Amino acid sequence: MKSHRNVTPRQEALAERNLYTALAALHSPEECRAFLRDLCTPAEIQAMADRWSVVEHLQRELPYREIHRLTGVSVTTIGRVARFLASGNGGYEVAAKRLTKGASRHG
């Protein structure tokens, strides 16, 4: 998180936690869309969407160049996502598993 001169690390951590709590409180893709459009620039949303769009392809072990061809996402970004998918905080994997479970229940 960006460091602010007059904000303590504890205050920064609390602000970050409050953001996560706000995200977790949203109930639908439409609510998330509205929240993120208020919170983020279009470029920030696009960057996050690009990263998320390659997760499934990486899990299917497609080559980076093939993922780039399919998504238009840069090979550098694909590599960054792959690193975090392999040894990040587990967020990509949790979300992907939950979406897969939800799709199999509804499909």
PDB file of N, CA and C in Angstrom:
ATOM      1  N   MET A   1       0.840  -1.173   0.000  1.00  0.00           N
ATOM      2  CA  MET A   1       0.000   0.000   0.000  1.00  0.00           C
ATOM      3  C   MET A   1       0.889   1.240   0.000  1.00  0.00           C
ATOM      4  N   LYS A   2       0.446   2.274  -0.655  1.00  0.00           N
ATOM      5  CA  LYS A   2       1.176   3.528  -0.740  1.00  0.00           C
ATOM      6  C   LYS A   2       1.314   4.131   0.660  1.00  0.00           C
ATOM      7  N   SER A   3       2.488   4.601   0.969  1.00  0.00           N
ATOM      8  CA  SER A   3       2.730   5.169   2.286  1.00  0.00           C
ATOM      9  C   SER A   3       2.336   6.648   2.307  1.00  0.00           C
ATOM     10  N   HIS A   4       1.601   7.034   3.341  1.00  0.00           N
ATOM     11  CA  HIS A   4       1.209   8.425   3.538  1.00  0.00           C
ATOM     12  C   HIS A   4       1.992   8.972   4.729  1.00  0.00           C
ATOM     13  N   ARG A   5       2.480  10.181   4.635  1.00  0.00           N
ATOM     14  CA  ARG A   5       3.319  10.752   5.687  1.00  0.00           C
ATOM     15  C   ARG A   5       2.654  10.771   7.054  1.00  0.00           C
ATOM     16  N   ASN A   6       1.383  11.128   7.125  1.00  0.00           N
ATOM     17  CA  ASN A   6       0.716  11.302   8.410  1.00  0.00           C
ATOM     18  C   ASN A   6      -0.115  10.100   8.821  1.00  0.00           C
ATOM     19  N   VAL A   7       0.093   8.970   8.184  1.00  0.00           N
ATOM     20  CA  VAL A   7      -0.687   7.780   8.486  1.00  0.00           C
ATOM     21  C   VAL A   7       0.253   6.702   9.017  1.00  0.00           C
ATOM     22  N   THR A   8      -0.125   6.115  10.132  1.00  0.00           N
ATOM     23  CA  THR A   8       0.707   5.066  10.731  1.00  0.00           C
ATOM     24  C   THR A   8       0.497   3.751   9.978  1.00  0.00           C
ATOM     25  N   PRO A   9       1.441   2.833  10.095  1.00  0.00           N
ATOM     26  CA  PRO A   9       1.235   1.512   9.482  1.00  0.00           C
ATOM     27  C   PRO A   9      -0.053   0.848   9.972  1.00  0.00           C
ATOM     28  N   ARG A  10      -0.386   1.049  11.216  1.00  0.00           N
ATOM     29  CA  ARG A  10      -1.636   0.480  11.763  1.00  0.00           C
ATOM     30  C   ARG A  10      -2.855   1.086  11.067  1.00  0.00           C
ATOM     31  N   GLN A  11      -2.839   2.400  10.850  1.00  0.00           N
ATOM     32  CA  GLN A  11      -3.951   3.057  10.152  1.00  0.00           C
ATOM     33  C   GLN A  11      -4.049   2.572   8.708  1.00  0.00           C
ATOM     34  N   GLU A  12      -2.901   2.391   8.056  1.00  0.00           N
ATOM     35  CA  GLU A  12      -2.897   1.862   6.686  1.00  0.00           C
ATOM     36  C   GLU A  12      -3.486   0.459   6.644  1.00  0.00           C
ATOM     37  N   ALA A  13      -3.084  -0.377   7.596  1.00  0.00           N
ATOM     38  CA  ALA A  13      -3.601  -1.747   7.656  1.00  0.00           C
ATOM     39  C   ALA A  13      -5.112  -1.742   7.898  1.00  0.00           C
ATOM     40  N   LEU A  14      -5.591  -0.860   8.739  1.00  0.00           N
ATOM     41  CA  LEU A  14      -7.024  -0.767   9.014  1.00  0.00           C
ATOM     42  C   LEU A  14      -7.779  -0.304   7.774  1.00  0.00           C
ATOM     43  N   ALA A  15      -7.231   0.669   7.059  1.00  0.00           N
ATOM     44  CA  ALA A  15      -7.878   1.148   5.830  1.00  0.00           C
ATOM     45  C   ALA A  15      -7.962   0.023   4.803  1.00  0.00           C
ATOM     46  N   GLU A  16      -6.895  -0.765   4.686  1.00  0.00           N
ATOM     47  CA  GLU A  16      -6.886  -1.890   3.755  1.00  0.00           C
ATOM     48  C   GLU A  16      -7.923  -2.928   4.185  1.00  0.00           C
ATOM     49  N   ARG A  17      -7.960  -3.244   5.458  1.00  0.00           N
ATOM     50  CA  ARG A  17      -8.948  -4.205   5.982  1.00  0.00           C
ATOM     51  C   ARG A  17     -10.371  -3.712   5.713  1.00  0.00           C
ATOM     52  N   ASN A  18     -10.615  -2.427   5.894  1.00  0.00           N
ATOM     53  CA  ASN A  18     -11.944  -1.868   5.639  1.00  0.00           C
ATOM     54  C   ASN A  18     -12.338  -2.001   4.168  1.00  0.00           C
ATOM     55  N   LEU A  19     -11.366  -1.842   3.272  1.00  0.00           N
ATOM     56  CA  LEU A  19     -11.630  -2.036   1.848  1.00  0.00           C
ATOM     57  C   LEU A  19     -12.057  -3.475   1.583  1.00  0.00           C
ATOM     58  N   TYR A  20     -11.316  -4.433   2.143  1.00  0.00           N
ATOM     59  CA  TYR A  20     -11.653  -5.846   1.937  1.00  0.00           C
ATOM     60  C   TYR A  20     -13.031  -6.168   2.504  1.00  0.00           C
ATOM     61  N   THR A  21     -13.359  -5.569   3.629  1.00  0.00           N
ATOM     62  CA  THR A  21     -14.673  -5.783   4.239  1.00  0.00           C
ATOM     63  C   THR A  21     -15.770  -5.227   3.342  1.00  0.00           C
ATOM     64  N   ALA A  22     -15.528  -4.069   2.753  1.00  0.00           N
ATOM     65  CA  ALA A  22     -16.501  -3.484   1.826  1.00  0.00           C
ATOM     66  C   ALA A  22     -16.706  -4.385   0.617  1.00  0.00           C
ATOM     67  N   LEU A  23     -15.625  -4.911   0.060  1.00  0.00           N
ATOM     68  CA  LEU A  23     -15.736  -5.825  -1.085  1.00  0.00           C
ATOM     69  C   LEU A  23     -16.522  -7.077  -0.703  1.00  0.00           C
ATOM     70  N   ALA A  24     -16.228  -7.627   0.465  1.00  0.00           N
ATOM     71  CA  ALA A  24     -16.904  -8.847   0.907  1.00  0.00           C
ATOM     72  C   ALA A  24     -18.392  -8.606   1.182  1.00  0.00           C
ATOM     73  N   ALA A  25     -18.779  -7.366   1.441  1.00  0.00           N
ATOM     74  CA  ALA A  25     -20.173  -7.046   1.731  1.00  0.00           C
ATOM     75  C   ALA A  25     -21.043  -6.966   0.477  1.00  0.00           C
ATOM     76  N   LEU A  26     -20.413  -6.898  -0.679  1.00  0.00           N
ATOM     77  CA  LEU A  26     -21.165  -6.788  -1.929  1.00  0.00           C
ATOM     78  C   LEU A  26     -21.761  -8.144  -2.288  1.00  0.00           C
ATOM     79  N   HIS A  27     -22.974  -8.128  -2.860  1.00  0.00           N
ATOM     80  CA  HIS A  27     -23.714  -9.372  -3.059  1.00  0.00           C
ATOM     81  C   HIS A  27     -23.856  -9.830  -4.503  1.00  0.00           C
ATOM     82  N   SER A  28     -23.493  -9.009  -5.456  1.00  0.00           N
ATOM     83  CA  SER A  28     -23.706  -9.406  -6.846  1.00  0.00           C
ATOM     84  C   SER A  28     -22.628  -8.806  -7.735  1.00  0.00           C
ATOM     85  N   PRO A  29     -22.470  -9.372  -8.920  1.00  0.00           N
ATOM     86  CA  PRO A  29     -21.535  -8.760  -9.869  1.00  0.00           C
ATOM     87  C   PRO A  29     -21.895  -7.307 -10.177  1.00  0.00           C
ATOM     88  N   GLU A  30     -23.173  -7.003 -10.205  1.00  0.00           N
ATOM     89  CA  GLU A  30     -23.608  -5.626 -10.497  1.00  0.00           C
ATOM     90  C   GLU A  30     -23.172  -4.669  -9.391  1.00  0.00           C
ATOM     91  N   GLU A  31     -23.306  -5.110  -8.128  1.00  0.00           N
ATOM     92  CA  GLU A  31     -22.854  -4.281  -7.013  1.00  0.00           C
ATOM     93  C   GLU A  31     -21.340  -4.099  -7.059  1.00  0.00           C
ATOM     94  N   CYS A  32     -20.621  -5.168  -7.355  1.00  0.00           N
ATOM     95  CA  CYS A  32     -19.161  -5.070  -7.469  1.00  0.00           C
ATOM     96  C   CYS A  32     -18.767  -4.121  -8.590  1.00  0.00           C
ATOM     97  N   ARG A  33     -19.467  -4.222  -9.707  1.00  0.00           N
ATOM     98  CA  ARG A  33     -19.185  -3.345 -10.847  1.00  0.00           C
ATOM     99  C   ARG A  33     -19.364  -1.883 -10.454  1.00  0.00           C
ATOM    100  N   ALA A  34     -20.470  -1.560  -9.787  1.00  0.00           N
ATOM    101  CA  ALA A  34     -20.725  -0.186  -9.373  1.00  0.00           C
ATOM    102  C   ALA A  34     -19.663   0.300  -8.391  1.00  0.00           C
ATOM    103  N   PHE A  35     -19.324  -0.537  -7.423  1.00  0.00           N
ATOM    104  CA  PHE A  35     -18.327  -0.173  -6.426  1.00  0.00           C
ATOM    105  C   PHE A  35     -16.966   0.074  -7.078  1.00  0.00           C
ATOM    106  N   LEU A  36     -16.527  -0.868  -7.920  1.00  0.00           N
ATOM    107  CA  LEU A  36     -15.214  -0.711  -8.548  1.00  0.00           C
ATOM    108  C   LEU A  36     -15.179   0.461  -9.517  1.00  0.00           C
ATOM    109  N   ARG A  37     -16.281   0.730 -10.185  1.00  0.00           N
ATOM    110  CA  ARG A  37     -16.310   1.895 -11.086  1.00  0.00           C
ATOM    111  C   ARG A  37     -16.246   3.203 -10.314  1.00  0.00           C
ATOM    112  N   ASP A  38     -16.772   3.207  -9.091  1.00  0.00           N
ATOM    113  CA  ASP A  38     -16.646   4.393  -8.243  1.00  0.00           C
ATOM    114  C   ASP A  38     -15.239   4.507  -7.667  1.00  0.00           C
ATOM    115  N   LEU A  39     -14.635   3.375  -7.344  1.00  0.00           N
ATOM    116  CA  LEU A  39     -13.367   3.341  -6.641  1.00  0.00           C
ATOM    117  C   LEU A  39     -12.146   3.473  -7.555  1.00  0.00           C
ATOM    118  N   CYS A  40     -12.194   2.854  -8.727  1.00  0.00           N
ATOM    119  CA  CYS A  40     -11.017   2.711  -9.587  1.00  0.00           C
ATOM    120  C   CYS A  40     -11.150   3.512 -10.880  1.00  0.00           C
ATOM    121  N   THR A  41     -10.009   3.781 -11.482  1.00  0.00           N
ATOM    122  CA  THR A  41     -10.010   4.372 -12.818  1.00  0.00           C
ATOM    123  C   THR A  41     -10.339   3.265 -13.828  1.00  0.00           C
ATOM    124  N   PRO A  42     -10.800   3.636 -15.027  1.00  0.00           N
ATOM    125  CA  PRO A  42     -11.022   2.609 -16.052  1.00  0.00           C
ATOM    126  C   PRO A  42      -9.761   1.782 -16.329  1.00  0.00           C
ATOM    127  N   ALA A  43      -8.602   2.405 -16.308  1.00  0.00           N
ATOM    128  CA  ALA A  43      -7.351   1.675 -16.553  1.00  0.00           C
ATOM    129  C   ALA A  43      -7.069   0.663 -15.442  1.00  0.00           C
ATOM    130  N   GLU A  44      -7.362   1.019 -14.197  1.00  0.00           N
ATOM    131  CA  GLU A  44      -7.156   0.082 -13.088  1.00  0.00           C
ATOM    132  C   GLU A  44      -8.090  -1.118 -13.209  1.00  0.00           C
ATOM    133  N   ILE A  45      -9.338  -0.868 -13.561  1.00  0.00           N
ATOM    134  CA  ILE A  45     -10.300  -1.955 -13.746  1.00  0.00           C
ATOM    135  C   ILE A  45      -9.850  -2.856 -14.894  1.00  0.00           C
ATOM    136  N   GLN A  46      -9.399  -2.258 -15.984  1.00  0.00           N
ATOM    137  CA  GLN A  46      -8.943  -3.042 -17.133  1.00  0.00           C
ATOM    138  C   GLN A  46      -7.740  -3.899 -16.762  1.00  0.00           C
ATOM    139  N   ALA A  47      -6.810  -3.337 -15.996  1.00  0.00           N
ATOM    140  CA  ALA A  47      -5.630  -4.098 -15.581  1.00  0.00           C
ATOM    141  C   ALA A  47      -6.038  -5.303 -14.734  1.00  0.00           C
ATOM    142  N   MET A  48      -6.976  -5.113 -13.818  1.00  0.00           N
ATOM    143  CA  MET A  48      -7.438  -6.231 -12.992  1.00  0.00           C
ATOM    144  C   MET A  48      -8.192  -7.259 -13.829  1.00  0.00           C
ATOM    145  N   ALA A  49      -9.021  -6.792 -14.745  1.00  0.00           N
ATOM    146  CA  ALA A  49      -9.759  -7.706 -15.620  1.00  0.00           C
ATOM    147  C   ALA A  49      -8.803  -8.503 -16.500  1.00  0.00           C
ATOM    148  N   ASP A  50      -7.764  -7.849 -17.003  1.00  0.00           N
ATOM    149  CA  ASP A  50      -6.757  -8.545 -17.814  1.00  0.00           C
ATOM    150  C   ASP A  50      -6.095  -9.658 -17.006  1.00  0.00           C
ATOM    151  N   ARG A  51      -5.694  -9.340 -15.782  1.00  0.00           N
ATOM    152  CA  ARG A  51      -5.029 -10.342 -14.943  1.00  0.00           C
ATOM    153  C   ARG A  51      -5.958 -11.521 -14.678  1.00  0.00           C
ATOM    154  N   TRP A  52      -7.195 -11.207 -14.337  1.00  0.00           N
ATOM    155  CA  TRP A  52      -8.147 -12.282 -14.035  1.00  0.00           C
ATOM    156  C   TRP A  52      -8.444 -13.130 -15.269  1.00  0.00           C
ATOM    157  N   SER A  53      -8.448 -12.519 -16.433  1.00  0.00           N
ATOM    158  CA  SER A  53      -8.807 -13.248 -17.657  1.00  0.00           C
ATOM    159  C   SER A  53      -7.817 -14.340 -18.024  1.00  0.00           C
ATOM    160  N   VAL A  54      -6.602 -14.275 -17.500  1.00  0.00           N
ATOM    161  CA  VAL A  54      -5.612 -15.287 -17.863  1.00  0.00           C
ATOM    162  C   VAL A  54      -5.532 -16.444 -16.876  1.00  0.00           C
ATOM    163  N   VAL A  55      -6.166 -16.319 -15.705  1.00  0.00           N
ATOM    164  CA  VAL A  55      -6.045 -17.345 -14.669  1.00  0.00           C
ATOM    165  C   VAL A  55      -6.499 -18.712 -15.171  1.00  0.00           C
ATOM    166  N   GLU A  56      -7.668 -18.796 -15.761  1.00  0.00           N
ATOM    167  CA  GLU A  56      -8.178 -20.085 -16.243  1.00  0.00           C
ATOM    168  C   GLU A  56      -7.233 -20.711 -17.272  1.00  0.00           C
ATOM    169  N   HIS A  57      -6.717 -19.887 -18.162  1.00  0.00           N
ATOM    170  CA  HIS A  57      -5.796 -20.390 -19.186  1.00  0.00           C
ATOM    171  C   HIS A  57      -4.507 -20.928 -18.558  1.00  0.00           C
ATOM    172  N   LEU A  58      -4.008 -20.222 -17.540  1.00  0.00           N
ATOM    173  CA  LEU A  58      -2.804 -20.689 -16.850  1.00  0.00           C
ATOM    174  C   LEU A  58      -3.076 -21.998 -16.110  1.00  0.00           C
ATOM    175  N   GLN A  59      -4.240 -22.102 -15.504  1.00  0.00           N
ATOM    176  CA  GLN A  59      -4.585 -23.341 -14.803  1.00  0.00           C
ATOM    177  C   GLN A  59      -4.708 -24.518 -15.766  1.00  0.00           C
ATOM    178  N   ARG A  60      -5.063 -24.234 -17.011  1.00  0.00           N
ATOM    179  CA  ARG A  60      -5.125 -25.279 -18.040  1.00  0.00           C
ATOM    180  C   ARG A  60      -3.750 -25.514 -18.672  1.00  0.00           C
ATOM    181  N   GLU A  61      -2.739 -24.781 -18.172  1.00  0.00           N
ATOM    182  CA  GLU A  61      -1.340 -24.914 -18.588  1.00  0.00           C
ATOM    183  C   GLU A  61      -1.109 -24.587 -20.060  1.00  0.00           C
ATOM    184  N   LEU A  62      -1.856 -23.622 -20.574  1.00  0.00           N
ATOM    185  CA  LEU A  62      -1.601 -23.157 -21.939  1.00  0.00           C
ATOM    186  C   LEU A  62      -0.308 -22.357 -21.962  1.00  0.00           C
ATOM    187  N   PRO A  63       0.416 -22.391 -23.055  1.00  0.00           N
ATOM    188  CA  PRO A  63       1.635 -21.576 -23.178  1.00  0.00           C
ATOM    189  C   PRO A  63       1.295 -20.076 -23.143  1.00  0.00           C
ATOM    190  N   TYR A  64       2.222 -19.296 -22.614  1.00  0.00           N
ATOM    191  CA  TYR A  64       2.011 -17.855 -22.493  1.00  0.00           C
ATOM    192  C   TYR A  64       1.643 -17.211 -23.826  1.00  0.00           C
ATOM    193  N   ARG A  65       2.317 -17.597 -24.896  1.00  0.00           N
ATOM    194  CA  ARG A  65       2.039 -16.995 -26.210  1.00  0.00           C
ATOM    195  C   ARG A  65       0.612 -17.313 -26.672  1.00  0.00           C
ATOM    196  N   GLU A  66       0.138 -18.508 -26.363  1.00  0.00           N
ATOM    197  CA  GLU A  66      -1.232 -18.874 -26.709  1.00  0.00           C
ATOM    198  C   GLU A  66      -2.230 -18.056 -25.888  1.00  0.00           C
ATOM    199  N   ILE A  67      -1.932 -17.871 -24.601  1.00  0.00           N
ATOM    200  CA  ILE A  67      -2.797 -17.041 -23.754  1.00  0.00           C
ATOM    201  C   ILE A  67      -2.822 -15.611 -24.287  1.00  0.00           C
ATOM    202  N   HIS A  68      -1.656 -15.105 -24.670  1.00  0.00           N
ATOM    203  CA  HIS A  68      -1.587 -13.762 -25.255  1.00  0.00           C
ATOM    204  C   HIS A  68      -2.451 -13.683 -26.514  1.00  0.00           C
ATOM    205  N   ARG A  69      -2.360 -14.698 -27.360  1.00  0.00           N
ATOM    206  CA  ARG A  69      -3.144 -14.714 -28.594  1.00  0.00           C
ATOM    207  C   ARG A  69      -4.647 -14.714 -28.287  1.00  0.00           C
ATOM    208  N   LEU A  70      -5.048 -15.463 -27.284  1.00  0.00           N
ATOM    209  CA  LEU A  70      -6.467 -15.580 -26.946  1.00  0.00           C
ATOM    210  C   LEU A  70      -7.023 -14.354 -26.232  1.00  0.00           C
ATOM    211  N   THR A  71      -6.192 -13.708 -25.405  1.00  0.00           N
ATOM    212  CA  THR A  71      -6.687 -12.626 -24.535  1.00  0.00           C
ATOM    213  C   THR A  71      -6.188 -11.238 -24.898  1.00  0.00           C
ATOM    214  N   GLY A  72      -5.054 -11.173 -25.584  1.00  0.00           N
ATOM    215  CA  GLY A  72      -4.443  -9.875 -25.861  1.00  0.00           C
ATOM    216  C   GLY A  72      -3.640  -9.330 -24.689  1.00  0.00           C
ATOM    217  N   VAL A  73      -3.590 -10.065 -23.592  1.00  0.00           N
ATOM    218  CA  VAL A  73      -2.847  -9.637 -22.414  1.00  0.00           C
ATOM    219  C   VAL A  73      -1.356  -9.860 -22.667  1.00  0.00           C
ATOM    220  N   SER A  74      -0.531  -8.918 -22.217  1.00  0.00           N
ATOM    221  CA  SER A  74       0.908  -9.009 -22.464  1.00  0.00           C
ATOM    222  C   SER A  74       1.515 -10.232 -21.789  1.00  0.00           C
ATOM    223  N   VAL A  75       2.566 -10.741 -22.398  1.00  0.00           N
ATOM    224  CA  VAL A  75       3.275 -11.893 -21.849  1.00  0.00           C
ATOM    225  C   VAL A  75       3.857 -11.545 -20.476  1.00  0.00           C
ATOM    226  N   THR A  76       4.266 -10.300 -20.283  1.00  0.00           N
ATOM    227  CA  THR A  76       4.781  -9.857 -18.981  1.00  0.00           C
ATOM    228  C   THR A  76       3.709  -9.982 -17.908  1.00  0.00           C
ATOM    229  N   THR A  77       2.505  -9.520 -18.212  1.00  0.00           N
ATOM    230  CA  THR A  77       1.401  -9.613 -17.253  1.00  0.00           C
ATOM    231  C   THR A  77       1.029 -11.070 -17.002  1.00  0.00           C
ATOM    232  N   ILE A  78       1.020 -11.874 -18.047  1.00  0.00           N
ATOM    233  CA  ILE A  78       0.725 -13.302 -17.894  1.00  0.00           C
ATOM    234  C   ILE A  78       1.744 -13.934 -16.947  1.00  0.00           C
ATOM    235  N   GLY A  79       3.011 -13.599 -17.114  1.00  0.00           N
ATOM    236  CA  GLY A  79       4.049 -14.117 -16.231  1.00  0.00           C
ATOM    237  C   GLY A  79       3.846 -13.690 -14.790  1.00  0.00           C
ATOM    238  N   ARG A  80       3.447 -12.445 -14.590  1.00  0.00           N
ATOM    239  CA  ARG A  80       3.190 -11.932 -13.241  1.00  0.00           C
ATOM    240  C   ARG A  80       2.043 -12.702 -12.592  1.00  0.00           C
ATOM    241  N   VAL A  81       0.969 -12.911 -13.339  1.00  0.00           N
ATOM    242  CA  VAL A  81      -0.165 -13.667 -12.809  1.00  0.00           C
ATOM    243  C   VAL A  81       0.265 -15.102 -12.493  1.00  0.00           C
ATOM    244  N   ALA A  82       1.050 -15.694 -13.373  1.00  0.00           N
ATOM    245  CA  ALA A  82       1.515 -17.071 -13.157  1.00  0.00           C
ATOM    246  C   ALA A  82       2.327 -17.177 -11.872  1.00  0.00           C
ATOM    247  N   ARG A  83       3.185 -16.191 -11.611  1.00  0.00           N
ATOM    248  CA  ARG A  83       3.989 -16.198 -10.379  1.00  0.00           C
ATOM    249  C   ARG A  83       3.083 -16.170  -9.148  1.00  0.00           C
ATOM    250  N   PHE A  84       2.078 -15.291  -9.163  1.00  0.00           N
ATOM    251  CA  PHE A  84       1.196 -15.191  -8.012  1.00  0.00           C
ATOM    252  C   PHE A  84       0.264 -16.395  -7.905  1.00  0.00           C
ATOM    253  N   LEU A  85      -0.115 -16.960  -9.016  1.00  0.00           N
ATOM    254  CA  LEU A  85      -0.937 -18.166  -9.001  1.00  0.00           C
ATOM    255  C   LEU A  85      -0.150 -19.317  -8.376  1.00  0.00           C
ATOM    256  N   ALA A  86       1.134 -19.381  -8.670  1.00  0.00           N
ATOM    257  CA  ALA A  86       1.987 -20.461  -8.165  1.00  0.00           C
ATOM    258  C   ALA A  86       2.423 -20.242  -6.720  1.00  0.00           C
ATOM    259  N   SER A  87       2.753 -19.010  -6.360  1.00  0.00           N
ATOM    260  CA  SER A  87       3.322 -18.791  -5.024  1.00  0.00           C
ATOM    261  C   SER A  87       2.934 -17.442  -4.440  1.00  0.00           C
ATOM    262  N   GLY A  88       1.712 -17.028  -4.681  1.00  0.00           N
ATOM    263  CA  GLY A  88       1.219 -15.780  -4.113  1.00  0.00           C
ATOM    264  C   GLY A  88       0.497 -16.034  -2.802  1.00  0.00           C
ATOM    265  N   ASN A  89      -0.610 -15.380  -2.627  1.00  0.00           N
ATOM    266  CA  ASN A  89      -1.374 -15.470  -1.393  1.00  0.00           C
ATOM    267  C   ASN A  89      -2.557 -16.423  -1.476  1.00  0.00           C
ATOM    268  N   GLY A  90      -2.753 -17.044  -2.630  1.00  0.00           N
ATOM    269  CA  GLY A  90      -3.823 -18.018  -2.793  1.00  0.00           C
ATOM    270  C   GLY A  90      -5.152 -17.436  -3.240  1.00  0.00           C
ATOM    271  N   GLY A  91      -5.198 -16.145  -3.452  1.00  0.00           N
ATOM    272  CA  GLY A  91      -6.456 -15.499  -3.817  1.00  0.00           C
ATOM    273  C   GLY A  91      -7.007 -15.914  -5.166  1.00  0.00           C
ATOM    274  N   TYR A  92      -6.135 -15.984  -6.164  1.00  0.00           N
ATOM    275  CA  TYR A  92      -6.594 -16.417  -7.488  1.00  0.00           C
ATOM    276  C   TYR A  92      -7.213 -17.806  -7.403  1.00  0.00           C
ATOM    277  N   GLU A  93      -6.521 -18.695  -6.708  1.00  0.00           N
ATOM    278  CA  GLU A  93      -6.971 -20.087  -6.645  1.00  0.00           C
ATOM    279  C   GLU A  93      -8.302 -20.214  -5.912  1.00  0.00           C
ATOM    280  N   VAL A  94      -8.467 -19.514  -4.791  1.00  0.00           N
ATOM    281  CA  VAL A  94      -9.722 -19.565  -4.039  1.00  0.00           C
ATOM    282  C   VAL A  94     -10.877 -19.088  -4.910  1.00  0.00           C
ATOM    283  N   ALA A  95     -10.698 -17.941  -5.556  1.00  0.00           N
ATOM    284  CA  ALA A  95     -11.776 -17.398  -6.390  1.00  0.00           C
ATOM    285  C   ALA A  95     -12.099 -18.328  -7.551  1.00  0.00           C
ATOM    286  N   ALA A  96     -11.071 -18.848  -8.208  1.00  0.00           N
ATOM    287  CA  ALA A  96     -11.297 -19.740  -9.350  1.00  0.00           C
ATOM    288  C   ALA A  96     -12.032 -21.007  -8.910  1.00  0.00           C
ATOM    289  N   LYS A  97     -11.635 -21.592  -7.786  1.00  0.00           N
ATOM    290  CA  LYS A  97     -12.301 -22.798  -7.289  1.00  0.00           C
ATOM    291  C   LYS A  97     -13.757 -22.525  -6.953  1.00  0.00           C
ATOM    292  N   ARG A  98     -14.015 -21.397  -6.310  1.00  0.00           N
ATOM    293  CA  ARG A  98     -15.397 -21.078  -5.935  1.00  0.00           C
ATOM    294  C   ARG A  98     -16.258 -20.829  -7.166  1.00  0.00           C
ATOM    295  N   LEU A  99     -15.709 -20.186  -8.160  1.00  0.00           N
ATOM    296  CA  LEU A  99     -16.473 -19.956  -9.392  1.00  0.00           C
ATOM    297  C   LEU A  99     -16.725 -21.262 -10.127  1.00  0.00           C
ATOM    298  N   THR A 100     -15.749 -22.152 -10.114  1.00  0.00           N
ATOM    299  CA  THR A 100     -15.922 -23.465 -10.747  1.00  0.00           C
ATOM    300  C   THR A 100     -17.005 -24.266 -10.035  1.00  0.00           C
ATOM    301  N   LYS A 101     -16.994 -24.246  -8.714  1.00  0.00           N
ATOM    302  CA  LYS A 101     -18.017 -24.941  -7.921  1.00  0.00           C
ATOM    303  C   LYS A 101     -19.389 -24.356  -8.213  1.00  0.00           C
ATOM    304  N   GLY A 102     -19.462 -23.019  -8.248  1.00  0.00           N
ATOM    305  CA  GLY A 102     -20.742 -22.364  -8.533  1.00  0.00           C
ATOM    306  C   GLY A 102     -21.271 -22.702  -9.910  1.00  0.00           C
ATOM    307  N   ALA A 103     -20.383 -22.788 -10.885  1.00  0.00           N
ATOM    308  CA  ALA A 103     -20.787 -23.121 -12.256  1.00  0.00           C
ATOM    309  C   ALA A 103     -21.290 -24.555 -12.339  1.00  0.00           C
ATOM    310  N   SER A 104     -20.626 -25.457 -11.582  1.00  0.00           N
ATOM    311  CA  SER A 104     -21.048 -26.860 -11.642  1.00  0.00           C
ATOM    312  C   SER A 104     -22.380 -27.072 -10.928  1.00  0.00           C
ATOM    313  N   ARG A 105     -22.695 -26.247  -9.938  1.00  0.00           N
ATOM    314  CA  ARG A 105     -23.985 -26.339  -9.245  1.00  0.00           C
ATOM    315  C   ARG A 105     -25.120 -25.803 -10.098  1.00  0.00           C
ATOM    316  N   HIS A 106     -24.811 -24.745 -10.879  1.00  0.00           N
ATOM    317  CA  HIS A 106     -25.845 -24.077 -11.680  1.00  0.00           C
ATOM    318  C   HIS A 106     -25.934 -24.632 -13.088  1.00  0.00           C
ATOM    319  N   GLY A 107     -24.957 -25.424 -13.507  1.00  0.00           N
ATOM    320  CA  GLY A 107     -24.905 -25.848 -14.894  1.00  0.00           C
ATOM    321  C   GLY A 107     -25.396 -27.190 -15.152  1.00  0.00           C
TER     322      GLY A 107
END
